[in-house]
Amino acid sequence: MGTCAAQKQKKQRHDGELQQVVAQVRLSQDCSVILKQRASQSSHLNPFKNPILSRRLKELPASPNPQTQPE
């Protein structure tokens, strides 16, 4: 696998993880719980290592009545 293909797969995986985090924040009443959970992980989605993600998660409005994610 070439470098470009590997980078493309890595980006797709990261984008999928980001979408999951954003969905969790939208469905939760308190985004700080999710921020703390992500902070304990050593991924690129750690809000303390990724200030852009941290700011965007805090700017998302909380859902007035949380729903479960469709499966």
N, C-alpha and C. Protein backbone atom coordinates (compact mmCIF):
# COMPACT_ATOMS: atom_id res chain seq x y z
N MET A 1 0.86 -1.17 0.00
CA MET A 1 0.00 0.00 0.00
C MET A 1 0.90 1.23 0.00
N GLY A 2 0.59 2.15 -0.87
CA GLY A 2 1.39 3.36 -0.96
C GLY A 2 1.10 4.33 0.17
N THR A 3 1.93 5.33 0.27
CA THR A 3 1.77 6.34 1.32
C THR A 3 0.44 7.07 1.19
N CYS A 4 0.06 7.42 -0.02
CA CYS A 4 -1.18 8.17 -0.22
C CYS A 4 -2.40 7.34 0.20
N ALA A 5 -2.40 6.06 -0.14
CA ALA A 5 -3.53 5.20 0.23
C ALA A 5 -3.60 5.03 1.74
N ALA A 6 -2.46 4.90 2.39
CA ALA A 6 -2.44 4.76 3.85
C ALA A 6 -2.96 6.03 4.51
N GLN A 7 -2.55 7.17 4.01
CA GLN A 7 -3.01 8.44 4.57
C GLN A 7 -4.51 8.60 4.38
N LYS A 8 -5.02 8.17 3.23
CA LYS A 8 -6.45 8.28 2.95
C LYS A 8 -7.26 7.41 3.91
N GLN A 9 -6.78 6.18 4.16
CA GLN A 9 -7.48 5.30 5.09
C GLN A 9 -7.44 5.87 6.50
N LYS A 10 -6.32 6.41 6.89
CA LYS A 10 -6.19 7.00 8.23
C LYS A 10 -7.14 8.18 8.39
N LYS A 11 -7.25 9.02 7.37
CA LYS A 11 -8.14 10.17 7.42
C LYS A 11 -9.60 9.73 7.51
N GLN A 12 -9.98 8.71 6.76
CA GLN A 12 -11.35 8.22 6.80
C GLN A 12 -11.68 7.67 8.19
N ARG A 13 -10.74 6.95 8.79
CA ARG A 13 -10.96 6.41 10.13
C ARG A 13 -11.12 7.54 11.15
N HIS A 14 -10.27 8.57 11.06
CA HIS A 14 -10.35 9.70 11.98
C HIS A 14 -11.65 10.47 11.79
N ASP A 15 -12.09 10.65 10.55
CA ASP A 15 -13.33 11.36 10.29
C ASP A 15 -14.52 10.61 10.88
N GLY A 16 -14.50 9.28 10.79
CA GLY A 16 -15.57 8.47 11.37
C GLY A 16 -15.61 8.61 12.88
N GLU A 17 -14.44 8.62 13.51
CA GLU A 17 -14.38 8.79 14.96
C GLU A 17 -14.89 10.17 15.36
N LEU A 18 -14.54 11.18 14.60
CA LEU A 18 -14.99 12.53 14.90
C LEU A 18 -16.51 12.63 14.81
N GLN A 19 -17.09 12.01 13.81
CA GLN A 19 -18.55 12.02 13.67
C GLN A 19 -19.21 11.34 14.86
N GLN A 20 -18.62 10.28 15.37
CA GLN A 20 -19.17 9.61 16.55
C GLN A 20 -19.13 10.52 17.77
N VAL A 21 -18.03 11.22 17.95
CA VAL A 21 -17.90 12.12 19.10
C VAL A 21 -18.91 13.26 19.01
N VAL A 22 -19.06 13.84 17.83
CA VAL A 22 -20.02 14.94 17.65
C VAL A 22 -21.43 14.44 17.92
N ALA A 23 -21.76 13.24 17.46
CA ALA A 23 -23.09 12.67 17.71
C ALA A 23 -23.31 12.46 19.20
N GLN A 24 -22.29 11.98 19.91
CA GLN A 24 -22.40 11.79 21.36
C GLN A 24 -22.66 13.11 22.06
N VAL A 25 -21.96 14.16 21.66
CA VAL A 25 -22.13 15.46 22.30
C VAL A 25 -23.53 16.00 22.04
N ARG A 26 -24.02 15.84 20.83
CA ARG A 26 -25.36 16.33 20.51
C ARG A 26 -26.43 15.60 21.30
N LEU A 27 -26.23 14.33 21.60
CA LEU A 27 -27.24 13.54 22.30
C LEU A 27 -27.14 13.67 23.82
N SER A 28 -26.05 14.22 24.32
CA SER A 28 -25.88 14.29 25.77
C SER A 28 -26.34 15.63 26.32
N GLN A 29 -26.66 15.64 27.59
CA GLN A 29 -27.03 16.87 28.27
C GLN A 29 -25.79 17.65 28.71
N ASP A 30 -24.71 16.93 29.00
CA ASP A 30 -23.51 17.56 29.53
C ASP A 30 -22.30 17.10 28.72
N CYS A 31 -21.76 18.00 27.91
CA CYS A 31 -20.63 17.62 27.06
C CYS A 31 -19.34 17.45 27.85
N SER A 32 -19.29 17.95 29.08
CA SER A 32 -18.06 17.83 29.86
C SER A 32 -17.74 16.38 30.18
N VAL A 33 -18.77 15.53 30.30
CA VAL A 33 -18.53 14.10 30.55
C VAL A 33 -17.80 13.48 29.37
N ILE A 34 -18.23 13.82 28.18
CA ILE A 34 -17.60 13.28 26.98
C ILE A 34 -16.19 13.86 26.83
N LEU A 35 -16.02 15.13 27.16
CA LEU A 35 -14.69 15.73 27.10
C LEU A 35 -13.73 15.03 28.06
N LYS A 36 -14.20 14.72 29.27
CA LYS A 36 -13.35 14.02 30.24
C LYS A 36 -13.03 12.62 29.75
N GLN A 37 -14.01 11.95 29.16
CA GLN A 37 -13.78 10.60 28.65
C GLN A 37 -12.73 10.64 27.53
N ARG A 38 -12.85 11.58 26.63
CA ARG A 38 -11.90 11.70 25.53
C ARG A 38 -10.52 12.12 26.03
N ALA A 39 -10.47 12.89 27.10
CA ALA A 39 -9.19 13.34 27.64
C ALA A 39 -8.40 12.19 28.22
N SER A 40 -9.10 11.15 28.67
CA SER A 40 -8.41 10.00 29.25
C SER A 40 -7.83 9.10 28.16
N GLN A 41 -8.18 9.34 26.92
CA GLN A 41 -7.66 8.54 25.81
C GLN A 41 -6.50 9.27 25.16
N SER A 42 -5.68 8.53 24.48
CA SER A 42 -4.51 9.16 23.85
C SER A 42 -4.67 9.25 22.34
N SER A 43 -5.88 9.48 21.88
CA SER A 43 -6.12 9.58 20.45
C SER A 43 -6.03 11.03 19.99
N HIS A 44 -6.17 11.23 18.69
CA HIS A 44 -6.15 12.59 18.14
C HIS A 44 -7.42 13.35 18.53
N LEU A 45 -8.41 12.64 19.09
CA LEU A 45 -9.66 13.29 19.50
C LEU A 45 -9.64 13.69 20.98
N ASN A 46 -8.48 13.67 21.58
CA ASN A 46 -8.34 14.15 22.95
C ASN A 46 -8.48 15.67 22.91
N PRO A 47 -9.54 16.23 23.53
CA PRO A 47 -9.77 17.68 23.41
C PRO A 47 -8.67 18.53 24.03
N PHE A 48 -7.89 17.97 24.97
CA PHE A 48 -6.82 18.75 25.56
C PHE A 48 -5.60 18.79 24.64
N LYS A 49 -5.50 17.83 23.74
CA LYS A 49 -4.42 17.84 22.75
C LYS A 49 -4.89 18.45 21.44
N ASN A 50 -6.19 18.64 21.30
CA ASN A 50 -6.76 19.17 20.06
C ASN A 50 -7.69 20.34 20.43
N PRO A 51 -7.15 21.55 20.55
CA PRO A 51 -7.95 22.69 21.00
C PRO A 51 -9.10 23.05 20.05
N ILE A 52 -8.94 22.76 18.77
CA ILE A 52 -10.03 23.05 17.82
C ILE A 52 -11.22 22.16 18.13
N LEU A 53 -10.98 20.88 18.37
CA LEU A 53 -12.07 19.96 18.72
C LEU A 53 -12.71 20.38 20.03
N SER A 54 -11.92 20.75 21.01
CA SER A 54 -12.45 21.16 22.30
C SER A 54 -13.39 22.35 22.15
N ARG A 55 -12.98 23.34 21.39
CA ARG A 55 -13.82 24.52 21.18
C ARG A 55 -15.11 24.16 20.45
N ARG A 56 -15.02 23.34 19.43
CA ARG A 56 -16.22 22.97 18.67
C ARG A 56 -17.19 22.16 19.50
N LEU A 57 -16.69 21.27 20.34
CA LEU A 57 -17.58 20.47 21.18
C LEU A 57 -18.30 21.36 22.20
N LYS A 58 -17.62 22.35 22.72
CA LYS A 58 -18.25 23.25 23.68
C LYS A 58 -19.28 24.16 23.02
N GLU A 59 -19.10 24.45 21.73
CA GLU A 59 -20.02 25.33 21.02
C GLU A 59 -21.29 24.61 20.58
N LEU A 60 -21.27 23.27 20.52
CA LEU A 60 -22.45 22.53 20.09
C LEU A 60 -23.56 22.68 21.12
N PRO A 61 -24.76 23.00 20.68
CA PRO A 61 -25.87 23.10 21.64
C PRO A 61 -26.29 21.72 22.14
N ALA A 62 -26.63 21.65 23.41
CA ALA A 62 -27.09 20.38 23.99
C ALA A 62 -28.51 20.11 23.54
N SER A 63 -28.81 18.86 23.35
CA SER A 63 -30.15 18.48 22.94
C SER A 63 -31.10 18.61 24.12
N PRO A 64 -32.27 19.27 23.97
CA PRO A 64 -33.20 19.42 25.08
C PRO A 64 -33.75 18.09 25.57
N ASN A 65 -33.95 17.15 24.70
CA ASN A 65 -34.38 15.81 25.10
C ASN A 65 -33.53 14.80 24.34
N PRO A 66 -32.51 14.24 25.03
CA PRO A 66 -31.58 13.34 24.36
C PRO A 66 -32.28 12.11 23.80
N GLN A 67 -31.78 11.65 22.67
CA GLN A 67 -32.32 10.47 22.02
C GLN A 67 -31.23 9.42 21.94
N THR A 68 -31.64 8.19 21.76
CA THR A 68 -30.64 7.15 21.58
C THR A 68 -30.21 7.14 20.13
N GLN A 69 -29.00 6.69 19.91
CA GLN A 69 -28.49 6.65 18.55
C GLN A 69 -29.13 5.50 17.79
N PRO A 70 -29.51 5.71 16.54
CA PRO A 70 -30.08 4.61 15.75
C PRO A 70 -29.01 3.58 15.43
N GLU A 71 -29.39 2.34 15.46
CA GLU A 71 -28.42 1.28 15.19
C GLU A 71 -28.77 0.53 13.95
